[in-house]
Amino acid sequence: MSEKVPVYDNHIHMSPSGRNVDALREFQAAGGTGLTLVTLPYKEVQISKGEDFARSYEITYGLAERARECTDLEINIAVGPYPVLIIPLAEAYGLERAEEMLMKGMDDAARDVAEGRAVAIGEIGRPHFPVSQEIWDASNRVLLHGMELARENDCPVIIHCESEAGTDRSLAELADMAGLDRGLVVKHSSPPWVTDEETHGVMPSIPASKSNLKEALSKGTDRFMIETDYIDDPEKPGAIMSVNTVPKKVAAWVANGQVPEESIYRICRDIPDSLYKR
């Protein structure tokens, strides 16, 4: 594969207890050129107050710094309070206090974007499985606040949430309430919804499986990004997908010529640049 062809994975995690830099070395060796590094709920930081989220973001920044020293990759950082944490936090401290903690985590993520330490707020959103109405409503309040902060900072939000028929419409409506451009709402782990009717203006980031990519490309548009959601868990090597999946997929596109080069550039360079280099 030509070195000039961009290969961008829009959702990768690194963990202090995982392969971290070695995984990104493998990604680069396979042809990777850039990625979005998304913070995780690290086991090294137990969240018991809102300020603890900022402590976890520091781990992400430290891992990114090491990776930049050891690779030539473009690394765009997203930080934010992981939305599913609202459930154990509500069980431990009550829902009102849990919501306050996530709001503080959101405020600190936006501060870091304003200071140039991160370029996106994420992954934020709501649990991807059925929850009580109270948890759902609180999650949407936190998400709306995150979108308002993203509007103030002119940055994207990376969304972790359910994937159902009305999901993108719901996210688009929340963005409208926040005054945030719908195109700055990135739906992580999106089904191959790529047409205007399917996305309602939300930007899909699609897991790089063969079936997903074939369906997305069959719809006559290249308005999407691709991702692995590599979680860097030493107990689950290769989960969710192996770190070299996106380079392999792009290499196959180049080799078989079935995806026009201009589409590869749009998916792996133009769209990420428009989102993260604002």
C-alpha atoms as a PDB file:
ATOM      1  CA  MET A   1       0.000   0.000   0.000  1.00  0.00           C
ATOM      2  CA  SER A   2       1.248   3.463  -0.871  1.00  0.00           C
ATOM      3  CA  GLU A   3       2.425   5.443   2.135  1.00  0.00           C
ATOM      4  CA  LYS A   4       0.401   8.363   0.827  1.00  0.00           C
ATOM      5  CA  VAL A   5      -2.901   6.595   1.418  1.00  0.00           C
ATOM      6  CA  PRO A   6      -4.357   7.673   4.790  1.00  0.00           C
ATOM      7  CA  VAL A   7      -5.523   4.961   7.183  1.00  0.00           C
ATOM      8  CA  TYR A   8      -7.516   6.380  10.091  1.00  0.00           C
ATOM      9  CA  ASP A   9      -9.145   4.440  12.952  1.00  0.00           C
ATOM     10  CA  ASN A  10     -11.696   6.678  14.633  1.00  0.00           C
ATOM     11  CA  HIS A  11     -11.966   4.823  17.950  1.00  0.00           C
ATOM     12  CA  ILE A  12      -9.035   3.239  19.767  1.00  0.00           C
ATOM     13  CA  HIS A  13      -8.361   2.872  23.483  1.00  0.00           C
ATOM     14  CA  MET A  14      -5.050   2.473  25.273  1.00  0.00           C
ATOM     15  CA  SER A  15      -4.699   1.062  28.752  1.00  0.00           C
ATOM     16  CA  PRO A  16      -1.795   1.347  31.219  1.00  0.00           C
ATOM     17  CA  SER A  17      -2.133  -2.390  31.857  1.00  0.00           C
ATOM     18  CA  GLY A  18      -2.513  -3.298  28.179  1.00  0.00           C
ATOM     19  CA  ARG A  19      -0.214  -3.296  25.154  1.00  0.00           C
ATOM     20  CA  ASN A  20      -0.717   0.475  24.731  1.00  0.00           C
ATOM     21  CA  VAL A  21       2.302   1.765  22.757  1.00  0.00           C
ATOM     22  CA  ASP A  22       3.108  -1.674  21.350  1.00  0.00           C
ATOM     23  CA  ALA A  23      -0.423  -1.907  19.962  1.00  0.00           C
ATOM     24  CA  LEU A  24      -0.046   1.435  18.210  1.00  0.00           C
ATOM     25  CA  ARG A  25       3.315   0.351  16.829  1.00  0.00           C
ATOM     26  CA  GLU A  26       1.530  -2.651  15.319  1.00  0.00           C
ATOM     27  CA  PHE A  27      -1.160  -0.341  13.916  1.00  0.00           C
ATOM     28  CA  GLN A  28       1.463   1.841  12.259  1.00  0.00           C
ATOM     29  CA  ALA A  29       3.443  -1.126  10.940  1.00  0.00           C
ATOM     30  CA  ALA A  30       0.263  -2.422   9.296  1.00  0.00           C
ATOM     31  CA  GLY A  31      -0.195   0.904   7.495  1.00  0.00           C
ATOM     32  CA  GLY A  32      -2.073   3.017  10.028  1.00  0.00           C
ATOM     33  CA  THR A  33      -1.501   6.759   9.850  1.00  0.00           C
ATOM     34  CA  GLY A  34      -3.867   8.238  12.436  1.00  0.00           C
ATOM     35  CA  LEU A  35      -6.454   7.542  15.102  1.00  0.00           C
ATOM     36  CA  THR A  36      -8.804   8.992  17.643  1.00  0.00           C
ATOM     37  CA  LEU A  37      -7.608   7.983  21.114  1.00  0.00           C
ATOM     38  CA  VAL A  38     -10.605   7.814  23.430  1.00  0.00           C
ATOM     39  CA  THR A  39     -10.338   7.772  27.207  1.00  0.00           C
ATOM     40  CA  LEU A  40     -11.521   4.785  29.231  1.00  0.00           C
ATOM     41  CA  PRO A  41     -12.784   4.195  32.789  1.00  0.00           C
ATOM     42  CA  TYR A  42      -9.347   3.047  33.929  1.00  0.00           C
ATOM     43  CA  LYS A  43      -9.152   0.657  36.854  1.00  0.00           C
ATOM     44  CA  GLU A  44      -6.274   2.809  38.149  1.00  0.00           C
ATOM     45  CA  VAL A  45      -8.781   5.589  38.970  1.00  0.00           C
ATOM     46  CA  GLN A  46     -11.846   4.828  41.040  1.00  0.00           C
ATOM     47  CA  ILE A  47     -14.521   7.495  40.503  1.00  0.00           C
ATOM     48  CA  SER A  48     -15.898   8.696  43.820  1.00  0.00           C
ATOM     49  CA  LYS A  49     -16.185  12.409  43.042  1.00  0.00           C
ATOM     50  CA  GLY A  50     -16.490  14.486  39.897  1.00  0.00           C
ATOM     51  CA  GLU A  51     -12.872  15.601  39.984  1.00  0.00           C
ATOM     52  CA  ASP A  52     -11.749  11.988  39.539  1.00  0.00           C
ATOM     53  CA  PHE A  53     -12.673  12.075  35.857  1.00  0.00           C
ATOM     54  CA  ALA A  54      -9.928  14.630  35.253  1.00  0.00           C
ATOM     55  CA  ARG A  55      -7.473  12.232  36.928  1.00  0.00           C
ATOM     56  CA  SER A  56      -8.439   9.556  34.414  1.00  0.00           C
ATOM     57  CA  TYR A  57      -7.961  12.007  31.536  1.00  0.00           C
ATOM     58  CA  GLU A  58      -4.379  12.529  32.703  1.00  0.00           C
ATOM     59  CA  ILE A  59      -3.753   8.834  32.068  1.00  0.00           C
ATOM     60  CA  THR A  60      -4.998   9.270  28.498  1.00  0.00           C
ATOM     61  CA  TYR A  61      -2.727  12.263  27.923  1.00  0.00           C
ATOM     62  CA  GLY A  62       0.254  10.374  29.313  1.00  0.00           C
ATOM     63  CA  LEU A  63      -0.389   7.381  27.061  1.00  0.00           C
ATOM     64  CA  ALA A  64      -0.775   9.681  24.050  1.00  0.00           C
ATOM     65  CA  GLU A  65       2.515  11.399  24.834  1.00  0.00           C
ATOM     66  CA  ARG A  66       4.331   8.065  24.963  1.00  0.00           C
ATOM     67  CA  ALA A  67       2.730   6.982  21.705  1.00  0.00           C
ATOM     68  CA  ARG A  68       3.753  10.197  19.976  1.00  0.00           C
ATOM     69  CA  GLU A  69       7.325   9.656  21.108  1.00  0.00           C
ATOM     70  CA  CYS A  70       7.379   6.082  19.767  1.00  0.00           C
ATOM     71  CA  THR A  71       5.372   6.412  16.534  1.00  0.00           C
ATOM     72  CA  ASP A  72       4.695   8.838  13.711  1.00  0.00           C
ATOM     73  CA  LEU A  73       0.936   8.542  14.081  1.00  0.00           C
ATOM     74  CA  GLU A  74      -1.501  11.429  14.108  1.00  0.00           C
ATOM     75  CA  ILE A  75      -3.251  11.064  17.461  1.00  0.00           C
ATOM     76  CA  ASN A  76      -6.433  13.016  18.182  1.00  0.00           C
ATOM     77  CA  ILE A  77      -7.599  12.774  21.804  1.00  0.00           C
ATOM     78  CA  ALA A  78     -11.161  12.614  23.099  1.00  0.00           C
ATOM     79  CA  VAL A  79     -11.952  12.753  26.807  1.00  0.00           C
ATOM     80  CA  GLY A  80     -15.228  12.657  28.679  1.00  0.00           C
ATOM     81  CA  PRO A  81     -17.182  10.841  31.404  1.00  0.00           C
ATOM     82  CA  TYR A  82     -18.109   7.344  30.251  1.00  0.00           C
ATOM     83  CA  PRO A  83     -21.921   7.325  30.311  1.00  0.00           C
ATOM     84  CA  VAL A  84     -22.530   3.821  31.679  1.00  0.00           C
ATOM     85  CA  LEU A  85     -20.776   4.850  34.904  1.00  0.00           C
ATOM     86  CA  ILE A  86     -23.936   6.691  35.905  1.00  0.00           C
ATOM     87  CA  ILE A  87     -25.411   3.333  36.958  1.00  0.00           C
ATOM     88  CA  PRO A  88     -22.830   2.187  39.547  1.00  0.00           C
ATOM     89  CA  LEU A  89     -22.355   5.784  40.700  1.00  0.00           C
ATOM     90  CA  ALA A  90     -26.106   6.147  41.252  1.00  0.00           C
ATOM     91  CA  GLU A  91     -26.146   2.882  43.183  1.00  0.00           C
ATOM     92  CA  ALA A  92     -23.274   4.049  45.383  1.00  0.00           C
ATOM     93  CA  TYR A  93     -24.101   7.745  45.856  1.00  0.00           C
ATOM     94  CA  GLY A  94     -27.635   8.314  44.609  1.00  0.00           C
ATOM     95  CA  LEU A  95     -28.694   9.492  41.168  1.00  0.00           C
ATOM     96  CA  GLU A  96     -28.546  13.219  41.900  1.00  0.00           C
ATOM     97  CA  ARG A  97     -24.936  12.991  43.090  1.00  0.00           C
ATOM     98  CA  ALA A  98     -24.011  10.683  40.203  1.00  0.00           C
ATOM     99  CA  GLU A  99     -25.382  13.192  37.706  1.00  0.00           C
ATOM    100  CA  GLU A 100     -23.387  15.969  39.362  1.00  0.00           C
ATOM    101  CA  MET A 101     -20.213  13.867  39.073  1.00  0.00           C
ATOM    102  CA  LEU A 102     -20.713  13.281  35.357  1.00  0.00           C
ATOM    103  CA  MET A 103     -21.480  16.971  34.840  1.00  0.00           C
ATOM    104  CA  LYS A 104     -18.177  17.834  36.504  1.00  0.00           C
ATOM    105  CA  GLY A 105     -16.390  15.299  34.324  1.00  0.00           C
ATOM    106  CA  MET A 106     -17.983  16.937  31.300  1.00  0.00           C
ATOM    107  CA  ASP A 107     -16.910  20.420  32.438  1.00  0.00           C
ATOM    108  CA  ASP A 108     -13.321  19.269  32.893  1.00  0.00           C
ATOM    109  CA  ALA A 109     -13.297  17.606  29.480  1.00  0.00           C
ATOM    110  CA  ALA A 110     -14.469  20.844  27.886  1.00  0.00           C
ATOM    111  CA  ARG A 111     -11.808  22.768  29.774  1.00  0.00           C
ATOM    112  CA  ASP A 112      -9.171  20.438  28.363  1.00  0.00           C
ATOM    113  CA  VAL A 113     -10.503  20.979  24.848  1.00  0.00           C
ATOM    114  CA  ALA A 114     -10.372  24.742  25.399  1.00  0.00           C
ATOM    115  CA  GLU A 115      -6.744  24.407  26.530  1.00  0.00           C
ATOM    116  CA  GLY A 116      -5.835  22.301  23.488  1.00  0.00           C
ATOM    117  CA  ARG A 117      -5.145  19.074  25.364  1.00  0.00           C
ATOM    118  CA  ALA A 118      -8.011  17.255  23.654  1.00  0.00           C
ATOM    119  CA  VAL A 119      -9.901  17.874  20.421  1.00  0.00           C
ATOM    120  CA  ALA A 120     -13.221  16.189  21.204  1.00  0.00           C
ATOM    121  CA  ILE A 121     -15.508  15.356  24.124  1.00  0.00           C
ATOM    122  CA  GLY A 122     -16.124  11.630  24.307  1.00  0.00           C
ATOM    123  CA  GLU A 123     -17.137   9.032  24.600  1.00  0.00           C
ATOM    124  CA  ILE A 124     -20.242  10.429  26.233  1.00  0.00           C
ATOM    125  CA  GLY A 125     -23.916   9.634  25.861  1.00  0.00           C
ATOM    126  CA  ARG A 126     -26.163   7.153  27.607  1.00  0.00           C
ATOM    127  CA  PRO A 127     -26.238   3.427  28.387  1.00  0.00           C
ATOM    128  CA  HIS A 128     -26.597   1.235  25.306  1.00  0.00           C
ATOM    129  CA  PHE A 129     -29.062  -1.111  27.016  1.00  0.00           C
ATOM    130  CA  PRO A 130     -32.462  -0.633  28.688  1.00  0.00           C
ATOM    131  CA  VAL A 131     -32.372   1.400  31.902  1.00  0.00           C
ATOM    132  CA  SER A 132     -34.900   3.055  34.168  1.00  0.00           C
ATOM    133  CA  GLN A 133     -36.570   6.247  33.027  1.00  0.00           C
ATOM    134  CA  GLU A 134     -34.738   8.139  35.769  1.00  0.00           C
ATOM    135  CA  ILE A 135     -31.319   6.963  34.524  1.00  0.00           C
ATOM    136  CA  TRP A 136     -32.332   7.673  30.924  1.00  0.00           C
ATOM    137  CA  ASP A 137     -33.463  11.215  31.712  1.00  0.00           C
ATOM    138  CA  ALA A 138     -30.369  11.988  33.789  1.00  0.00           C
ATOM    139  CA  SER A 139     -28.126  10.607  31.033  1.00  0.00           C
ATOM    140  CA  ASN A 140     -29.790  12.846  28.476  1.00  0.00           C
ATOM    141  CA  ARG A 141     -29.328  15.882  30.706  1.00  0.00           C
ATOM    142  CA  VAL A 142     -25.621  15.133  31.011  1.00  0.00           C
ATOM    143  CA  LEU A 143     -25.381  14.518  27.270  1.00  0.00           C
ATOM    144  CA  LEU A 144     -27.161  17.770  26.458  1.00  0.00           C
ATOM    145  CA  HIS A 145     -24.731  19.624  28.706  1.00  0.00           C
ATOM    146  CA  GLY A 146     -21.838  17.979  26.860  1.00  0.00           C
ATOM    147  CA  MET A 147     -23.271  19.098  23.541  1.00  0.00           C
ATOM    148  CA  GLU A 148     -23.670  22.646  24.829  1.00  0.00           C
ATOM    149  CA  LEU A 149     -20.028  22.642  25.903  1.00  0.00           C
ATOM    150  CA  ALA A 150     -19.041  21.277  22.494  1.00  0.00           C
ATOM    151  CA  ARG A 151     -20.921  24.137  20.829  1.00  0.00           C
ATOM    152  CA  GLU A 152     -19.032  26.633  22.997  1.00  0.00           C
ATOM    153  CA  ASN A 153     -15.708  25.018  22.044  1.00  0.00           C
ATOM    154  CA  ASP A 154     -16.567  24.250  18.393  1.00  0.00           C
ATOM    155  CA  CYS A 155     -15.563  20.616  18.845  1.00  0.00           C
ATOM    156  CA  PRO A 156     -17.105  17.202  18.165  1.00  0.00           C
ATOM    157  CA  VAL A 157     -18.777  14.905  20.649  1.00  0.00           C
ATOM    158  CA  ILE A 158     -18.240  11.149  20.330  1.00  0.00           C
ATOM    159  CA  ILE A 159     -21.392   9.344  21.369  1.00  0.00           C
ATOM    160  CA  HIS A 160     -21.732   5.993  23.113  1.00  0.00           C
ATOM    161  CA  CYS A 161     -25.388   4.962  23.166  1.00  0.00           C
ATOM    162  CA  GLU A 162     -27.949   2.498  21.859  1.00  0.00           C
ATOM    163  CA  SER A 163     -28.290   1.791  18.126  1.00  0.00           C
ATOM    164  CA  GLU A 164     -31.992   1.662  17.364  1.00  0.00           C
ATOM    165  CA  ALA A 165     -34.208   3.002  14.597  1.00  0.00           C
ATOM    166  CA  GLY A 166     -34.736   6.394  16.216  1.00  0.00           C
ATOM    167  CA  THR A 167     -31.284   6.860  17.714  1.00  0.00           C
ATOM    168  CA  ASP A 168     -29.737   9.246  15.192  1.00  0.00           C
ATOM    169  CA  ARG A 169     -32.907  11.344  15.065  1.00  0.00           C
ATOM    170  CA  SER A 170     -32.817  11.584  18.861  1.00  0.00           C
ATOM    171  CA  LEU A 171     -29.160  12.644  18.827  1.00  0.00           C
ATOM    172  CA  ALA A 172     -29.855  15.187  16.103  1.00  0.00           C
ATOM    173  CA  GLU A 173     -32.699  16.690  18.105  1.00  0.00           C
ATOM    174  CA  LEU A 174     -30.504  16.948  21.209  1.00  0.00           C
ATOM    175  CA  ALA A 175     -27.830  18.672  19.112  1.00  0.00           C
ATOM    176  CA  ASP A 176     -30.430  21.143  17.874  1.00  0.00           C
ATOM    177  CA  MET A 177     -31.444  21.885  21.469  1.00  0.00           C
ATOM    178  CA  ALA A 178     -27.785  22.533  22.304  1.00  0.00           C
ATOM    179  CA  GLY A 179     -27.177  24.658  19.214  1.00  0.00           C
ATOM    180  CA  LEU A 180     -24.514  22.180  18.071  1.00  0.00           C
ATOM    181  CA  ASP A 181     -23.964  21.373  14.406  1.00  0.00           C
ATOM    182  CA  ARG A 182     -25.393  17.887  13.836  1.00  0.00           C
ATOM    183  CA  GLY A 183     -22.290  17.015  11.837  1.00  0.00           C
ATOM    184  CA  LEU A 184     -20.193  17.380  15.000  1.00  0.00           C
ATOM    185  CA  VAL A 185     -22.134  14.542  16.649  1.00  0.00           C
ATOM    186  CA  VAL A 186     -20.143  11.360  15.974  1.00  0.00           C
ATOM    187  CA  LYS A 187     -22.106   8.144  16.534  1.00  0.00           C
ATOM    188  CA  HIS A 188     -19.549   5.617  17.778  1.00  0.00           C
ATOM    189  CA  SER A 189     -20.197   1.967  16.887  1.00  0.00           C
ATOM    190  CA  SER A 190     -22.805   3.050  14.359  1.00  0.00           C
ATOM    191  CA  PRO A 191     -24.640   0.571  12.190  1.00  0.00           C
ATOM    192  CA  PRO A 192     -24.007   1.194   8.473  1.00  0.00           C
ATOM    193  CA  TRP A 193     -26.388   4.149   8.469  1.00  0.00           C
ATOM    194  CA  VAL A 194     -24.900   6.614   6.001  1.00  0.00           C
ATOM    195  CA  THR A 195     -27.683   8.216   3.962  1.00  0.00           C
ATOM    196  CA  ASP A 196     -29.189  11.548   4.985  1.00  0.00           C
ATOM    197  CA  GLU A 197     -32.457   9.791   5.782  1.00  0.00           C
ATOM    198  CA  GLU A 198     -30.678   7.405   8.134  1.00  0.00           C
ATOM    199  CA  THR A 199     -28.277   9.768   9.909  1.00  0.00           C
ATOM    200  CA  HIS A 200     -30.323  12.983  10.186  1.00  0.00           C
ATOM    201  CA  GLY A 201     -26.994  14.798   9.867  1.00  0.00           C
ATOM    202  CA  VAL A 202     -25.168  12.813  12.565  1.00  0.00           C
ATOM    203  CA  MET A 203     -21.701  11.554  11.552  1.00  0.00           C
ATOM    204  CA  PRO A 204     -21.481   7.737  11.603  1.00  0.00           C
ATOM    205  CA  SER A 205     -18.343   5.958  12.807  1.00  0.00           C
ATOM    206  CA  ILE A 206     -18.789   2.380  11.664  1.00  0.00           C
ATOM    207  CA  PRO A 207     -17.102  -0.769  13.032  1.00  0.00           C
ATOM    208  CA  ALA A 208     -14.759  -2.016  10.321  1.00  0.00           C
ATOM    209  CA  SER A 209     -16.321  -5.414   9.680  1.00  0.00           C
ATOM    210  CA  LYS A 210     -16.563  -6.653   6.106  1.00  0.00           C
ATOM    211  CA  SER A 211     -20.363  -6.718   6.165  1.00  0.00           C
ATOM    212  CA  ASN A 212     -20.712  -3.231   7.683  1.00  0.00           C
ATOM    213  CA  LEU A 213     -18.360  -1.635   5.189  1.00  0.00           C
ATOM    214  CA  LYS A 214     -19.890  -3.443   2.219  1.00  0.00           C
ATOM    215  CA  GLU A 215     -23.369  -2.236   3.194  1.00  0.00           C
ATOM    216  CA  ALA A 216     -22.246   1.324   3.904  1.00  0.00           C
ATOM    217  CA  LEU A 217     -20.408   1.640   0.583  1.00  0.00           C
ATOM    218  CA  SER A 218     -23.314   0.111  -1.338  1.00  0.00           C
ATOM    219  CA  LYS A 219     -25.468   3.132  -0.504  1.00  0.00           C
ATOM    220  CA  GLY A 220     -23.571   5.484  -2.782  1.00  0.00           C
ATOM    221  CA  THR A 221     -22.049   7.779  -0.158  1.00  0.00           C
ATOM    222  CA  ASP A 222     -18.711   7.967   1.624  1.00  0.00           C
ATOM    223  CA  ARG A 223     -19.837  10.224   4.473  1.00  0.00           C
ATOM    224  CA  PHE A 224     -18.650   8.081   7.371  1.00  0.00           C
ATOM    225  CA  MET A 225     -15.566   7.061   9.344  1.00  0.00           C
ATOM    226  CA  ILE A 226     -14.378   3.599  10.341  1.00  0.00           C
ATOM    227  CA  GLU A 227     -13.227   2.235  13.682  1.00  0.00           C
ATOM    228  CA  THR A 228     -12.242  -0.851  15.652  1.00  0.00           C
ATOM    229  CA  ASP A 229     -13.043   0.158  19.245  1.00  0.00           C
ATOM    230  CA  TYR A 230      -9.847  -1.707  20.166  1.00  0.00           C
ATOM    231  CA  ILE A 231     -10.012  -1.784  23.961  1.00  0.00           C
ATOM    232  CA  ASP A 232      -6.437  -2.849  24.827  1.00  0.00           C
ATOM    233  CA  ASP A 233      -7.519  -5.332  27.479  1.00  0.00           C
ATOM    234  CA  PRO A 234      -4.772  -7.899  28.204  1.00  0.00           C
ATOM    235  CA  GLU A 235      -7.433 -10.400  29.240  1.00  0.00           C
ATOM    236  CA  LYS A 236      -9.269  -9.982  25.902  1.00  0.00           C
ATOM    237  CA  PRO A 237      -6.645  -9.645  23.148  1.00  0.00           C
ATOM    238  CA  GLY A 238      -8.117  -8.301  19.944  1.00  0.00           C
ATOM    239  CA  ALA A 239     -11.368  -7.081  21.504  1.00  0.00           C
ATOM    240  CA  ILE A 240     -13.480  -5.449  20.190  1.00  0.00           C
ATOM    241  CA  MET A 241     -11.501  -5.826  16.942  1.00  0.00           C
ATOM    242  CA  SER A 242      -7.791  -6.301  16.470  1.00  0.00           C
ATOM    243  CA  VAL A 243      -5.777  -3.100  16.237  1.00  0.00           C
ATOM    244  CA  ASN A 244      -4.641  -3.798  12.674  1.00  0.00           C
ATOM    245  CA  THR A 245      -8.172  -4.290  11.295  1.00  0.00           C
ATOM    246  CA  VAL A 246      -8.566  -0.850   9.688  1.00  0.00           C
ATOM    247  CA  PRO A 247      -5.155  -0.948   7.945  1.00  0.00           C
ATOM    248  CA  LYS A 248      -6.019  -4.381   6.556  1.00  0.00           C
ATOM    249  CA  LYS A 249      -9.411  -3.185   5.293  1.00  0.00           C
ATOM    250  CA  VAL A 250      -7.939  -0.109   3.619  1.00  0.00           C
ATOM    251  CA  ALA A 251      -5.131  -2.191   2.089  1.00  0.00           C
ATOM    252  CA  ALA A 252      -7.771  -4.498   0.599  1.00  0.00           C
ATOM    253  CA  TRP A 253      -9.668  -1.494  -0.780  1.00  0.00           C
ATOM    254  CA  VAL A 254      -6.508  -0.274  -2.480  1.00  0.00           C
ATOM    255  CA  ALA A 255      -5.561  -3.718  -3.778  1.00  0.00           C
ATOM    256  CA  ASN A 256      -8.921  -4.630  -5.272  1.00  0.00           C
ATOM    257  CA  GLY A 257      -9.783  -1.156  -6.520  1.00  0.00           C
ATOM    258  CA  GLN A 258     -13.418  -1.512  -5.486  1.00  0.00           C
ATOM    259  CA  VAL A 259     -13.329   1.668  -3.375  1.00  0.00           C
ATOM    260  CA  PRO A 260     -12.269   4.803  -5.270  1.00  0.00           C
ATOM    261  CA  GLU A 261      -9.139   6.418  -3.884  1.00  0.00           C
ATOM    262  CA  GLU A 262     -11.017   9.682  -3.415  1.00  0.00           C
ATOM    263  CA  SER A 263     -13.459   7.861  -1.101  1.00  0.00           C
ATOM    264  CA  ILE A 264     -10.611   6.393   0.936  1.00  0.00           C
ATOM    265  CA  TYR A 265      -9.169   9.893   1.327  1.00  0.00           C
ATOM    266  CA  ARG A 266     -12.563  11.247   2.344  1.00  0.00           C
ATOM    267  CA  ILE A 267     -13.173   8.522   4.942  1.00  0.00           C
ATOM    268  CA  CYS A 268      -9.642   8.412   6.362  1.00  0.00           C
ATOM    269  CA  ARG A 269      -8.410  11.985   5.952  1.00  0.00           C
ATOM    270  CA  ASP A 270     -10.907  14.648   4.921  1.00  0.00           C
ATOM    271  CA  ILE A 271     -13.666  13.827   7.409  1.00  0.00           C
ATOM    272  CA  PRO A 272     -11.347  13.306  10.423  1.00  0.00           C
ATOM    273  CA  ASP A 273      -9.470  16.501   9.522  1.00  0.00           C
ATOM    274  CA  SER A 274     -12.684  18.490   9.293  1.00  0.00           C
ATOM    275  CA  LEU A 275     -13.773  17.241  12.715  1.00  0.00           C
ATOM    276  CA  TYR A 276     -10.581  17.308  14.743  1.00  0.00           C
ATOM    277  CA  LYS A 277      -8.487  20.094  13.202  1.00  0.00           C
ATOM    278  CA  ARG A 278     -10.850  22.954  13.880  1.00  0.00           C
END
